[in-house]
Full PDB file with SEQRES, HELIX, SHEET, SSBOND, CRYST1, ORIGX, SCALE, CONECT and MASTER records, all heavy atoms in Angstrom:
SEQRES   1 A   37  GLU LEU ARG GLY GLU ASN ARG ARG PHE ALA MET ALA LEU          
SEQRES   2 A   37  GLN ALA ALA GLU LEU LYS GLN LYS SER MET GLU GLU LYS          
SEQRES   3 A   37  ASN GLN LEU LEU GLU GLU GLN ALA SER ALA LEU                  
HELIX    1 AA1 LEU A    2  ALA A   36  1                                  35    
CRYST1    1.000    1.000    1.000  90.00  90.00  90.00 P 1           1          
ORIGX1      1.000000  0.000000  0.000000        0.00000                         
ORIGX2      0.000000  1.000000  0.000000        0.00000                         
ORIGX3      0.000000  0.000000  1.000000        0.00000                         
SCALE1      1.000000  0.000000  0.000000        0.00000                         
SCALE2      0.000000  1.000000  0.000000        0.00000                         
SCALE3      0.000000  0.000000  1.000000        0.00000                         
ATOM      1  N   GLU A   1      72.234 132.477  99.059  1.00  0.00           N  
ATOM      2  CA  GLU A   1      71.861 131.744 100.275  1.00  0.00           C  
ATOM      3  C   GLU A   1      72.527 132.367 101.495  1.00  0.00           C  
ATOM      4  O   GLU A   1      71.900 132.524 102.541  1.00  0.00           O  
ATOM      5  CB  GLU A   1      72.273 130.276 100.155  1.00  0.00           C  
ATOM      6  CG  GLU A   1      71.405 129.472  99.193  1.00  0.00           C  
ATOM      7  CD  GLU A   1      71.928 128.060  98.986  1.00  0.00           C  
ATOM      8  OE1 GLU A   1      72.805 127.610  99.746  1.00  0.00           O  
ATOM      9  OE2 GLU A   1      71.449 127.392  98.054  1.00  0.00           O  
ATOM     10  N   LEU A   2      73.797 132.725 101.368  1.00  0.00           N  
ATOM     11  CA  LEU A   2      74.525 133.331 102.483  1.00  0.00           C  
ATOM     12  C   LEU A   2      73.922 134.683 102.855  1.00  0.00           C  
ATOM     13  O   LEU A   2      73.805 135.016 104.038  1.00  0.00           O  
ATOM     14  CB  LEU A   2      76.005 133.484 102.128  1.00  0.00           C  
ATOM     15  CG  LEU A   2      76.794 132.174 102.094  1.00  0.00           C  
ATOM     16  CD1 LEU A   2      78.180 132.421 101.512  1.00  0.00           C  
ATOM     17  CD2 LEU A   2      76.905 131.561 103.468  1.00  0.00           C  
ATOM     18  N   ARG A   3      73.529 135.448 101.862  1.00  0.00           N  
ATOM     19  CA  ARG A   3      72.902 136.736 102.153  1.00  0.00           C  
ATOM     20  C   ARG A   3      71.588 136.547 102.907  1.00  0.00           C  
ATOM     21  O   ARG A   3      71.280 137.271 103.854  1.00  0.00           O  
ATOM     22  CB  ARG A   3      72.667 137.515 100.858  1.00  0.00           C  
ATOM     23  CG  ARG A   3      73.939 138.112 100.291  1.00  0.00           C  
ATOM     24  CD  ARG A   3      73.678 138.917  99.049  1.00  0.00           C  
ATOM     25  NE  ARG A   3      74.942 139.447  98.524  1.00  0.00           N  
ATOM     26  CZ  ARG A   3      75.147 139.745  97.262  1.00  0.00           C  
ATOM     27  NH1 ARG A   3      74.186 139.589  96.386  1.00  0.00           N  
ATOM     28  NH2 ARG A   3      76.314 140.220  96.874  1.00  0.00           N  
ATOM     29  N   GLY A   4      70.787 135.558 102.492  1.00  0.00           N  
ATOM     30  CA  GLY A   4      69.526 135.269 103.181  1.00  0.00           C  
ATOM     31  C   GLY A   4      69.758 134.836 104.621  1.00  0.00           C  
ATOM     32  O   GLY A   4      69.071 135.291 105.538  1.00  0.00           O  
ATOM     33  N   GLU A   5      70.737 133.974 104.820  1.00  0.00           N  
ATOM     34  CA  GLU A   5      71.057 133.518 106.179  1.00  0.00           C  
ATOM     35  C   GLU A   5      71.533 134.687 107.035  1.00  0.00           C  
ATOM     36  O   GLU A   5      71.158 134.809 108.198  1.00  0.00           O  
ATOM     37  CB  GLU A   5      72.135 132.434 106.098  1.00  0.00           C  
ATOM     38  CG  GLU A   5      72.379 131.718 107.396  1.00  0.00           C  
ATOM     39  CD  GLU A   5      73.330 130.556 107.244  1.00  0.00           C  
ATOM     40  OE1 GLU A   5      73.244 129.849 106.228  1.00  0.00           O  
ATOM     41  OE2 GLU A   5      74.153 130.378 108.134  1.00  0.00           O  
ATOM     42  N   ASN A   6      72.314 135.552 106.453  1.00  0.00           N  
ATOM     43  CA  ASN A   6      72.810 136.731 107.168  1.00  0.00           C  
ATOM     44  C   ASN A   6      71.646 137.627 107.590  1.00  0.00           C  
ATOM     45  O   ASN A   6      71.603 138.140 108.706  1.00  0.00           O  
ATOM     46  CB  ASN A   6      73.785 137.487 106.259  1.00  0.00           C  
ATOM     47  CG  ASN A   6      74.730 138.352 107.031  1.00  0.00           C  
ATOM     48  OD1 ASN A   6      74.819 138.261 108.248  1.00  0.00           O  
ATOM     49  ND2 ASN A   6      75.455 139.207 106.345  1.00  0.00           N  
ATOM     50  N   ARG A   7      70.656 137.804 106.676  1.00  0.00           N  
ATOM     51  CA  ARG A   7      69.482 138.607 107.003  1.00  0.00           C  
ATOM     52  C   ARG A   7      68.688 137.977 108.151  1.00  0.00           C  
ATOM     53  O   ARG A   7      68.228 138.665 109.055  1.00  0.00           O  
ATOM     54  CB  ARG A   7      68.582 138.779 105.771  1.00  0.00           C  
ATOM     55  CG  ARG A   7      69.099 139.817 104.784  1.00  0.00           C  
ATOM     56  CD  ARG A   7      68.055 140.133 103.722  1.00  0.00           C  
ATOM     57  NE  ARG A   7      67.757 139.006 102.857  1.00  0.00           N  
ATOM     58  CZ  ARG A   7      68.416 138.725 101.753  1.00  0.00           C  
ATOM     59  NH1 ARG A   7      69.406 139.483 101.346  1.00  0.00           N  
ATOM     60  NH2 ARG A   7      68.082 137.678 101.007  1.00  0.00           N  
ATOM     61  N   ARG A   8      68.551 136.629 108.138  1.00  0.00           N  
ATOM     62  CA  ARG A   8      67.805 135.948 109.210  1.00  0.00           C  
ATOM     63  C   ARG A   8      68.518 136.121 110.552  1.00  0.00           C  
ATOM     64  O   ARG A   8      67.873 136.365 111.571  1.00  0.00           O  
ATOM     65  CB  ARG A   8      67.646 134.457 108.878  1.00  0.00           C  
ATOM     66  CG  ARG A   8      66.605 134.206 107.794  1.00  0.00           C  
ATOM     67  CD  ARG A   8      66.284 132.727 107.651  1.00  0.00           C  
ATOM     68  NE  ARG A   8      67.416 131.930 107.221  1.00  0.00           N  
ATOM     69  CZ  ARG A   8      67.810 131.776 105.978  1.00  0.00           C  
ATOM     70  NH1 ARG A   8      67.148 132.362 104.999  1.00  0.00           N  
ATOM     71  NH2 ARG A   8      68.852 131.013 105.674  1.00  0.00           N  
ATOM     72  N   PHE A   9      69.850 136.013 110.557  1.00  0.00           N  
ATOM     73  CA  PHE A   9      70.606 136.219 111.795  1.00  0.00           C  
ATOM     74  C   PHE A   9      70.404 137.636 112.314  1.00  0.00           C  
ATOM     75  O   PHE A   9      70.206 137.852 113.511  1.00  0.00           O  
ATOM     76  CB  PHE A   9      72.100 135.974 111.562  1.00  0.00           C  
ATOM     77  CG  PHE A   9      72.526 134.556 111.758  1.00  0.00           C  
ATOM     78  CD1 PHE A   9      73.216 133.881 110.769  1.00  0.00           C  
ATOM     79  CD2 PHE A   9      72.242 133.888 112.940  1.00  0.00           C  
ATOM     80  CE1 PHE A   9      73.617 132.583 110.941  1.00  0.00           C  
ATOM     81  CE2 PHE A   9      72.641 132.586 113.126  1.00  0.00           C  
ATOM     82  CZ  PHE A   9      73.327 131.917 112.131  1.00  0.00           C  
ATOM     83  N   ALA A  10      70.458 138.603 111.442  1.00  0.00           N  
ATOM     84  CA  ALA A  10      70.311 140.004 111.857  1.00  0.00           C  
ATOM     85  C   ALA A  10      68.921 140.245 112.440  1.00  0.00           C  
ATOM     86  O   ALA A  10      68.780 140.934 113.456  1.00  0.00           O  
ATOM     87  CB  ALA A  10      70.575 140.933 110.670  1.00  0.00           C  
ATOM     88  N   MET A  11      67.888 139.669 111.825  1.00  0.00           N  
ATOM     89  CA  MET A  11      66.527 139.843 112.326  1.00  0.00           C  
ATOM     90  C   MET A  11      66.366 139.179 113.696  1.00  0.00           C  
ATOM     91  O   MET A  11      65.730 139.733 114.595  1.00  0.00           O  
ATOM     92  CB  MET A  11      65.517 139.274 111.311  1.00  0.00           C  
ATOM     93  CG  MET A  11      65.362 140.174 110.090  1.00  0.00           C  
ATOM     94  SD  MET A  11      64.437 139.472 108.701  1.00  0.00           S  
ATOM     95  CE  MET A  11      63.106 138.604 109.427  1.00  0.00           C  
ATOM     96  N   ALA A  12      66.955 137.996 113.882  1.00  0.00           N  
ATOM     97  CA  ALA A  12      66.874 137.304 115.167  1.00  0.00           C  
ATOM     98  C   ALA A  12      67.570 138.118 116.247  1.00  0.00           C  
ATOM     99  O   ALA A  12      67.064 138.257 117.365  1.00  0.00           O  
ATOM    100  CB  ALA A  12      67.505 135.913 115.053  1.00  0.00           C  
ATOM    101  N   LEU A  13      68.716 138.686 115.915  1.00  0.00           N  
ATOM    102  CA  LEU A  13      69.433 139.508 116.885  1.00  0.00           C  
ATOM    103  C   LEU A  13      68.621 140.750 117.229  1.00  0.00           C  
ATOM    104  O   LEU A  13      68.522 141.129 118.400  1.00  0.00           O  
ATOM    105  CB  LEU A  13      70.807 139.906 116.335  1.00  0.00           C  
ATOM    106  CG  LEU A  13      71.622 140.815 117.248  1.00  0.00           C  
ATOM    107  CD1 LEU A  13      71.944 140.111 118.557  1.00  0.00           C  
ATOM    108  CD2 LEU A  13      72.903 141.248 116.565  1.00  0.00           C  
ATOM    109  N   GLN A  14      68.027 141.373 116.234  1.00  0.00           N  
ATOM    110  CA  GLN A  14      67.235 142.581 116.481  1.00  0.00           C  
ATOM    111  C   GLN A  14      66.042 142.258 117.382  1.00  0.00           C  
ATOM    112  O   GLN A  14      65.739 143.005 118.321  1.00  0.00           O  
ATOM    113  CB  GLN A  14      66.760 143.157 115.143  1.00  0.00           C  
ATOM    114  CG  GLN A  14      66.077 144.508 115.284  1.00  0.00           C  
ATOM    115  CD  GLN A  14      65.673 145.073 113.932  1.00  0.00           C  
ATOM    116  OE1 GLN A  14      65.559 144.358 112.953  1.00  0.00           O  
ATOM    117  NE2 GLN A  14      65.471 146.368 113.877  1.00  0.00           N  
ATOM    118  N   ALA A  15      65.391 141.126 117.147  1.00  0.00           N  
ATOM    119  CA  ALA A  15      64.252 140.721 117.978  1.00  0.00           C  
ATOM    120  C   ALA A  15      64.716 140.472 119.415  1.00  0.00           C  
ATOM    121  O   ALA A  15      64.060 140.893 120.372  1.00  0.00           O  
ATOM    122  CB  ALA A  15      63.587 139.470 117.410  1.00  0.00           C  
ATOM    123  N   ALA A  16      65.856 139.812 119.569  1.00  0.00           N  
ATOM    124  CA  ALA A  16      66.379 139.541 120.907  1.00  0.00           C  
ATOM    125  C   ALA A  16      66.745 140.847 121.613  1.00  0.00           C  
ATOM    126  O   ALA A  16      66.501 141.002 122.809  1.00  0.00           O  
ATOM    127  CB  ALA A  16      67.588 138.624 120.818  1.00  0.00           C  
ATOM    128  N   GLU A  17      67.314 141.787 120.867  1.00  0.00           N  
ATOM    129  CA  GLU A  17      67.675 143.076 121.459  1.00  0.00           C  
ATOM    130  C   GLU A  17      66.424 143.839 121.901  1.00  0.00           C  
ATOM    131  O   GLU A  17      66.395 144.429 122.985  1.00  0.00           O  
ATOM    132  CB  GLU A  17      68.472 143.919 120.461  1.00  0.00           C  
ATOM    133  CG  GLU A  17      69.902 143.448 120.267  1.00  0.00           C  
ATOM    134  CD  GLU A  17      70.640 144.183 119.153  1.00  0.00           C  
ATOM    135  OE1 GLU A  17      69.991 144.880 118.340  1.00  0.00           O  
ATOM    136  OE2 GLU A  17      71.869 144.052 119.099  1.00  0.00           O  
ATOM    137  N   LEU A  18      65.376 143.814 121.082  1.00  0.00           N  
ATOM    138  CA  LEU A  18      64.118 144.476 121.445  1.00  0.00           C  
ATOM    139  C   LEU A  18      63.507 143.842 122.698  1.00  0.00           C  
ATOM    140  O   LEU A  18      63.033 144.538 123.591  1.00  0.00           O  
ATOM    141  CB  LEU A  18      63.127 144.428 120.276  1.00  0.00           C  
ATOM    142  CG  LEU A  18      63.448 145.338 119.086  1.00  0.00           C  
ATOM    143  CD1 LEU A  18      62.481 145.074 117.945  1.00  0.00           C  
ATOM    144  CD2 LEU A  18      63.399 146.796 119.492  1.00  0.00           C  
ATOM    145  N   LYS A  19      63.522 142.519 122.760  1.00  0.00           N  
ATOM    146  CA  LYS A  19      62.980 141.825 123.916  1.00  0.00           C  
ATOM    147  C   LYS A  19      63.793 142.165 125.161  1.00  0.00           C  
ATOM    148  O   LYS A  19      63.242 142.420 126.223  1.00  0.00           O  
ATOM    149  CB  LYS A  19      62.985 140.314 123.673  1.00  0.00           C  
ATOM    150  CG  LYS A  19      62.299 139.535 124.763  1.00  0.00           C  
ATOM    151  CD  LYS A  19      62.200 138.063 124.421  1.00  0.00           C  
ATOM    152  CE  LYS A  19      61.472 137.303 125.512  1.00  0.00           C  
ATOM    153  NZ  LYS A  19      61.379 135.874 125.225  1.00  0.00           N  
ATOM    154  N   GLN A  20      65.120 142.167 125.007  1.00  0.00           N  
ATOM    155  CA  GLN A  20      66.007 142.505 126.120  1.00  0.00           C  
ATOM    156  C   GLN A  20      65.716 143.921 126.613  1.00  0.00           C  
ATOM    157  O   GLN A  20      65.599 144.164 127.808  1.00  0.00           O  
ATOM    158  CB  GLN A  20      67.471 142.384 125.663  1.00  0.00           C  
ATOM    159  CG  GLN A  20      68.496 142.617 126.751  1.00  0.00           C  
ATOM    160  CD  GLN A  20      68.620 141.440 127.682  1.00  0.00           C  
ATOM    161  OE1 GLN A  20      68.200 140.346 127.370  1.00  0.00           O  
ATOM    162  NE2 GLN A  20      69.181 141.669 128.848  1.00  0.00           N  
ATOM    163  N   LYS A  21      65.571 144.872 125.698  1.00  0.00           N  
ATOM    164  CA  LYS A  21      65.302 146.259 126.068  1.00  0.00           C  
ATOM    165  C   LYS A  21      63.959 146.380 126.780  1.00  0.00           C  
ATOM    166  O   LYS A  21      63.828 147.066 127.795  1.00  0.00           O  
ATOM    167  CB  LYS A  21      65.329 147.145 124.821  1.00  0.00           C  
ATOM    168  CG  LYS A  21      65.190 148.625 125.113  1.00  0.00           C  
ATOM    169  CD  LYS A  21      65.315 149.451 123.859  1.00  0.00           C  
ATOM    170  CE  LYS A  21      65.142 150.929 124.181  1.00  0.00           C  
ATOM    171  NZ  LYS A  21      65.202 151.751 122.993  1.00  0.00           N  
ATOM    172  N   SER A  22      62.941 145.686 126.256  1.00  0.00           N  
ATOM    173  CA  SER A  22      61.611 145.709 126.864  1.00  0.00           C  
ATOM    174  C   SER A  22      61.672 145.158 128.282  1.00  0.00           C  
ATOM    175  O   SER A  22      61.087 145.731 129.203  1.00  0.00           O  
ATOM    176  CB  SER A  22      60.646 144.887 126.011  1.00  0.00           C  
ATOM    177  OG  SER A  22      59.421 144.724 126.682  1.00  0.00           O  
ATOM    178  N   MET A  23      62.388 144.070 128.463  1.00  0.00           N  
ATOM    179  CA  MET A  23      62.492 143.471 129.787  1.00  0.00           C  
ATOM    180  C   MET A  23      63.248 144.393 130.736  1.00  0.00           C  
ATOM    181  O   MET A  23      62.906 144.501 131.917  1.00  0.00           O  
ATOM    182  CB  MET A  23      63.172 142.101 129.701  1.00  0.00           C  
ATOM    183  CG  MET A  23      62.357 141.055 128.943  1.00  0.00           C  
ATOM    184  SD  MET A  23      60.643 140.930 129.471  1.00  0.00           S  
ATOM    185  CE  MET A  23      60.847 140.183 131.050  1.00  0.00           C  
ATOM    186  N   GLU A  24      64.278 145.072 130.237  1.00  0.00           N  
ATOM    187  CA  GLU A  24      65.020 146.003 131.072  1.00  0.00           C  
ATOM    188  C   GLU A  24      64.125 147.173 131.495  1.00  0.00           C  
ATOM    189  O   GLU A  24      64.180 147.619 132.645  1.00  0.00           O  
ATOM    190  CB  GLU A  24      66.252 146.512 130.334  1.00  0.00           C  
ATOM    191  CG  GLU A  24      67.358 145.470 130.228  1.00  0.00           C  
ATOM    192  CD  GLU A  24      68.511 145.897 129.319  1.00  0.00           C  
ATOM    193  OE1 GLU A  24      68.463 147.023 128.779  1.00  0.00           O  
ATOM    194  OE2 GLU A  24      69.444 145.104 129.170  1.00  0.00           O  
ATOM    195  N   GLU A  25      63.289 147.656 130.588  1.00  0.00           N  
ATOM    196  CA  GLU A  25      62.367 148.737 130.918  1.00  0.00           C  
ATOM    197  C   GLU A  25      61.345 148.279 131.958  1.00  0.00           C  
ATOM    198  O   GLU A  25      61.051 149.001 132.923  1.00  0.00           O  
ATOM    199  CB  GLU A  25      61.651 149.228 129.656  1.00  0.00           C  
ATOM    200  CG  GLU A  25      62.558 150.001 128.716  1.00  0.00           C  
ATOM    201  CD  GLU A  25      61.901 150.306 127.375  1.00  0.00           C  
ATOM    202  OE1 GLU A  25      60.740 149.870 127.149  1.00  0.00           O  
ATOM    203  OE2 GLU A  25      62.547 150.979 126.551  1.00  0.00           O  
ATOM    204  N   LYS A  26      60.805 147.061 131.809  1.00  0.00           N  
ATOM    205  CA  LYS A  26      59.862 146.524 132.783  1.00  0.00           C  
ATOM    206  C   LYS A  26      60.536 146.358 134.145  1.00  0.00           C  
ATOM    207  O   LYS A  26      59.947 146.638 135.186  1.00  0.00           O  
ATOM    208  CB  LYS A  26      59.296 145.187 132.299  1.00  0.00           C  
ATOM    209  CG  LYS A  26      58.307 145.315 131.166  1.00  0.00           C  
ATOM    210  CD  LYS A  26      57.810 143.946 130.735  1.00  0.00           C  
ATOM    211  CE  LYS A  26      56.867 144.074 129.539  1.00  0.00           C  
ATOM    212  NZ  LYS A  26      56.434 142.757 129.051  1.00  0.00           N  
ATOM    213  N   ASN A  27      61.751 145.877 134.116  1.00  0.00           N  
ATOM    214  CA  ASN A  27      62.521 145.675 135.341  1.00  0.00           C  
ATOM    215  C   ASN A  27      62.716 147.016 136.051  1.00  0.00           C  
ATOM    216  O   ASN A  27      62.558 147.105 137.269  1.00  0.00           O  
ATOM    217  CB  ASN A  27      63.874 145.046 134.996  1.00  0.00           C  
ATOM    218  CG  ASN A  27      64.359 144.122 136.081  1.00  0.00           C  
ATOM    219  OD1 ASN A  27      63.629 143.808 137.006  1.00  0.00           O  
ATOM    220  ND2 ASN A  27      65.592 143.687 135.971  1.00  0.00           N  
ATOM    221  N   GLN A  28      63.071 148.036 135.269  1.00  0.00           N  
ATOM    222  CA  GLN A  28      63.272 149.377 135.833  1.00  0.00           C  
ATOM    223  C   GLN A  28      61.975 149.875 136.475  1.00  0.00           C  
ATOM    224  O   GLN A  28      61.975 150.416 137.581  1.00  0.00           O  
ATOM    225  CB  GLN A  28      63.743 150.347 134.740  1.00  0.00           C  
ATOM    226  CG  GLN A  28      63.929 151.784 135.188  1.00  0.00           C  
ATOM    227  CD  GLN A  28      65.084 151.943 136.158  1.00  0.00           C  
ATOM    228  OE1 GLN A  28      66.027 151.188 136.122  1.00  0.00           O  
ATOM    229  NE2 GLN A  28      64.978 152.910 137.046  1.00  0.00           N  
ATOM    230  N   LEU A  29      60.855 149.686 135.795  1.00  0.00           N  
ATOM    231  CA  LEU A  29      59.552 150.104 136.305  1.00  0.00           C  
ATOM    232  C   LEU A  29      59.226 149.375 137.605  1.00  0.00           C  
ATOM    233  O   LEU A  29      58.777 149.986 138.588  1.00  0.00           O  
ATOM    234  CB  LEU A  29      58.465 149.847 135.260  1.00  0.00           C  
ATOM    235  CG  LEU A  29      57.044 150.272 135.630  1.00  0.00           C  
ATOM    236  CD1 LEU A  29      56.988 151.780 135.854  1.00  0.00           C  
ATOM    237  CD2 LEU A  29      56.068 149.872 134.546  1.00  0.00           C  
ATOM    238  N   LEU A  30      59.479 148.073 137.633  1.00  0.00           N  
ATOM    239  CA  LEU A  30      59.216 147.298 138.843  1.00  0.00           C  
ATOM    240  C   LEU A  30      60.110 147.755 139.994  1.00  0.00           C  
ATOM    241  O   LEU A  30      59.675 147.814 141.140  1.00  0.00           O  
ATOM    242  CB  LEU A  30      59.406 145.805 138.570  1.00  0.00           C  
ATOM    243  CG  LEU A  30      58.290 145.153 137.752  1.00  0.00           C  
ATOM    244  CD1 LEU A  30      58.688 143.733 137.365  1.00  0.00           C  
ATOM    245  CD2 LEU A  30      56.988 145.151 138.522  1.00  0.00           C  
ATOM    246  N   GLU A  31      61.367 148.067 139.690  1.00  0.00           N  
ATOM    247  CA  GLU A  31      62.271 148.566 140.726  1.00  0.00           C  
ATOM    248  C   GLU A  31      61.759 149.896 141.278  1.00  0.00           C  
ATOM    249  O   GLU A  31      61.809 150.138 142.489  1.00  0.00           O  
ATOM    250  CB  GLU A  31      63.685 148.716 140.172  1.00  0.00           C  
ATOM    251  CG  GLU A  31      64.394 147.393 139.973  1.00  0.00           C  
ATOM    252  CD  GLU A  31      65.755 147.549 139.302  1.00  0.00           C  
ATOM    253  OE1 GLU A  31      66.230 148.694 139.142  1.00  0.00           O  
ATOM    254  OE2 GLU A  31      66.346 146.514 138.960  1.00  0.00           O  
ATOM    255  N   GLU A  32      61.278 150.769 140.392  1.00  0.00           N  
ATOM    256  CA  GLU A  32      60.724 152.044 140.839  1.00  0.00           C  
ATOM    257  C   GLU A  32      59.486 151.826 141.709  1.00  0.00           C  
ATOM    258  O   GLU A  32      59.312 152.472 142.745  1.00  0.00           O  
ATOM    259  CB  GLU A  32      60.384 152.920 139.634  1.00  0.00           C  
ATOM    260  CG  GLU A  32      61.609 153.428 138.897  1.00  0.00           C  
ATOM    261  CD  GLU A  32      61.264 154.108 137.580  1.00  0.00           C  
ATOM    262  OE1 GLU A  32      60.063 154.267 137.262  1.00  0.00           O  
ATOM    263  OE2 GLU A  32      62.208 154.484 136.851  1.00  0.00           O  
ATOM    264  N   GLN A  33      58.624 150.877 141.312  1.00  0.00           N  
ATOM    265  CA  GLN A  33      57.431 150.571 142.101  1.00  0.00           C  
ATOM    266  C   GLN A  33      57.805 149.984 143.455  1.00  0.00           C  
ATOM    267  O   GLN A  33      57.206 150.324 144.477  1.00  0.00           O  
ATOM    268  CB  GLN A  33      56.519 149.602 141.335  1.00  0.00           C  
ATOM    269  CG  GLN A  33      55.845 150.236 140.129  1.00  0.00           C  
ATOM    270  CD  GLN A  33      55.052 149.216 139.316  1.00  0.00           C  
ATOM    271  OE1 GLN A  33      55.166 148.022 139.516  1.00  0.00           O  
ATOM    272  NE2 GLN A  33      54.237 149.719 138.387  1.00  0.00           N  
ATOM    273  N   ALA A  34      58.810 149.121 143.456  1.00  0.00           N  
ATOM    274  CA  ALA A  34      59.266 148.520 144.714  1.00  0.00           C  
ATOM    275  C   ALA A  34      59.805 149.610 145.632  1.00  0.00           C  
ATOM    276  O   ALA A  34      59.546 149.609 146.840  1.00  0.00           O  
ATOM    277  CB  ALA A  34      60.318 147.454 144.437  1.00  0.00           C  
ATOM    278  N   SER A  35      60.568 150.536 145.077  1.00  0.00           N  
ATOM    279  CA  SER A  35      61.110 151.644 145.866  1.00  0.00           C  
ATOM    280  C   SER A  35      59.992 152.502 146.433  1.00  0.00           C  
ATOM    281  O   SER A  35      60.006 152.886 147.618  1.00  0.00           O  
ATOM    282  CB  SER A  35      62.039 152.482 144.987  1.00  0.00           C  
ATOM    283  OG  SER A  35      62.501 153.599 145.699  1.00  0.00           O  
ATOM    284  N   ALA A  36      58.980 152.794 145.613  1.00  0.00           N  
ATOM    285  CA  ALA A  36      57.844 153.588 146.072  1.00  0.00           C  
ATOM    286  C   ALA A  36      57.094 152.852 147.187  1.00  0.00           C  
ATOM    287  O   ALA A  36      56.673 153.463 148.186  1.00  0.00           O  
ATOM    288  CB  ALA A  36      56.902 153.895 144.916  1.00  0.00           C  
ATOM    289  N   LEU A  37      56.941 151.542 147.045  1.00  0.00           N  
ATOM    290  CA  LEU A  37      56.274 150.752 148.087  1.00  0.00           C  
ATOM    291  C   LEU A  37      57.073 150.772 149.389  1.00  0.00           C  
ATOM    292  O   LEU A  37      56.514 150.875 150.475  1.00  0.00           O  
ATOM    293  CB  LEU A  37      56.077 149.311 147.618  1.00  0.00           C  
ATOM    294  CG  LEU A  37      54.893 149.086 146.684  1.00  0.00           C  
ATOM    295  CD1 LEU A  37      54.930 147.660 146.147  1.00  0.00           C  
ATOM    296  CD2 LEU A  37      53.584 149.327 147.412  1.00  0.00           C  
TER     297      LEU A  37                                                      
MASTER        0    0    0    1    0    0    0    6  296    1    0    3          
END                                                                             
C-alpha cells in the first residue's frame, strides 16, 4: 500500500511539474510577444 501511495505522489508531482513548465514556457512566449509589440 505504501509503495502504491508513493507512486501516486510521484505521478502527481510529475504532472504538476509538467504543468508548471508548460505555463512558464507560455509565459515566456507572451513576454516575448509583449516585447515585440
